[in-house]
Amino acid sequence: MSTGPKAAVNAGNMKVVELDVTGLNCPMPLLKAKQALNNMQTRQQLRVLSTDPGSVKDFAVFARQSGHLLLESTETDGCFSFLLQKQN
């Protein structure tokens, strides 16, 4: 398990930051994502990998309330992937 953000693939001219919070339970996946977003540039994207089923609802609500865009929310074999784009 790695909980620190790291740069991954390109999204236009900015790198998508990846945050692996697998193995952590609520509220830690969302808190770690908030910390990562605070250190990112506007329109930069963050991909979060989580194994907490509650994170599906958490990230949807967070995106609505924070104004960040939830571009993608998928699940494969118990691993949830969220792609957020930072706004403002």
Protein backbone atom coordinates (compact mmCIF):
# COMPACT_ATOMS: atom_id res chain seq x y z
CA MET A 1 0.00 0.00 0.00
CA SER A 2 1.28 3.42 -0.99
CA THR A 3 -0.53 6.49 0.26
CA GLY A 4 1.59 9.24 -1.24
CA PRO A 5 0.60 10.89 -4.52
CA LYS A 6 2.87 10.39 -7.50
CA ALA A 7 2.87 11.68 -11.06
CA ALA A 8 1.71 9.19 -13.66
CA VAL A 9 0.53 9.60 -17.24
CA ASN A 10 0.06 12.82 -19.19
CA ALA A 11 -3.31 14.58 -19.39
CA GLY A 12 -2.73 17.14 -22.07
CA ASN A 13 0.32 19.02 -20.84
CA MET A 14 -0.14 18.13 -17.15
CA LYS A 15 0.54 14.82 -15.49
CA VAL A 16 -2.24 12.82 -13.88
CA VAL A 17 -1.36 12.35 -10.22
CA GLU A 18 -2.01 8.84 -8.87
CA LEU A 19 -2.94 8.23 -5.26
CA ASP A 20 -3.06 4.64 -4.00
CA VAL A 21 -5.13 4.44 -0.81
CA THR A 22 -5.95 0.75 -1.08
CA GLY A 23 -6.31 -0.87 2.32
CA LEU A 24 -7.47 2.34 4.00
CA ASN A 25 -11.02 2.74 5.27
CA CYS A 26 -13.34 5.74 5.54
CA PRO A 27 -12.59 8.58 5.97
CA MET A 28 -8.92 8.18 4.98
CA PRO A 29 -9.29 7.73 1.17
CA LEU A 30 -11.19 11.00 0.89
CA LEU A 31 -8.92 12.86 3.32
CA LYS A 32 -5.81 11.77 1.41
CA ALA A 33 -7.45 12.82 -1.87
CA LYS A 34 -8.31 16.25 -0.44
CA GLN A 35 -4.70 16.71 0.67
CA ALA A 36 -3.43 15.76 -2.79
CA LEU A 37 -5.88 18.11 -4.54
CA ASN A 38 -4.77 21.00 -2.30
CA ASN A 39 -1.24 20.61 -3.70
CA MET A 40 -2.28 20.41 -7.35
CA GLN A 41 -2.82 22.95 -10.13
CA THR A 42 -6.26 23.91 -11.44
CA ARG A 43 -7.47 21.44 -14.10
CA GLN A 44 -4.87 18.87 -13.08
CA GLN A 45 -6.27 15.37 -12.66
CA LEU A 46 -6.03 12.97 -9.74
CA ARG A 47 -6.62 9.24 -10.04
CA VAL A 48 -7.44 7.60 -6.70
CA LEU A 49 -7.32 3.83 -6.19
CA SER A 50 -9.30 2.55 -3.21
CA THR A 51 -10.61 -0.72 -1.83
CA ASP A 52 -13.16 0.93 0.48
CA PRO A 53 -16.68 0.35 -0.97
CA GLY A 54 -17.93 3.44 0.88
CA SER A 55 -15.59 5.58 -1.19
CA VAL A 56 -17.97 5.36 -4.18
CA LYS A 57 -20.57 7.48 -2.41
CA ASP A 58 -17.95 9.59 -0.63
CA PHE A 59 -16.26 10.72 -3.86
CA ALA A 60 -19.55 11.42 -5.65
CA VAL A 61 -20.76 13.63 -2.77
CA PHE A 62 -17.35 15.28 -2.41
CA ALA A 63 -17.27 16.21 -6.10
CA ARG A 64 -20.74 17.77 -5.94
CA GLN A 65 -19.97 19.74 -2.79
CA SER A 66 -16.41 20.83 -3.62
CA GLY A 67 -16.91 21.75 -7.27
CA HIS A 68 -14.16 19.40 -8.43
CA LEU A 69 -15.15 17.22 -11.39
CA LEU A 70 -15.56 13.48 -10.97
CA LEU A 71 -14.66 12.40 -14.51
CA GLU A 72 -14.70 8.67 -13.90
CA SER A 73 -15.73 6.15 -11.26
CA THR A 74 -15.08 2.47 -11.95
CA GLU A 75 -14.71 -0.80 -10.06
CA THR A 76 -12.66 -3.84 -11.04
CA ASP A 77 -12.33 -6.87 -8.75
CA GLY A 78 -12.96 -4.84 -5.60
CA CYS A 79 -10.63 -1.98 -6.53
CA PHE A 80 -12.35 1.35 -7.08
CA SER A 81 -10.82 3.97 -9.36
CA PHE A 82 -11.81 7.63 -9.34
CA LEU A 83 -10.59 10.29 -11.73
CA LEU A 84 -11.03 13.81 -10.38
CA GLN A 85 -10.17 17.10 -12.03
CA LYS A 86 -9.29 19.96 -9.75
CA GLN A 87 -11.33 23.12 -10.21
CA ASN A 88 -10.13 26.47 -8.87
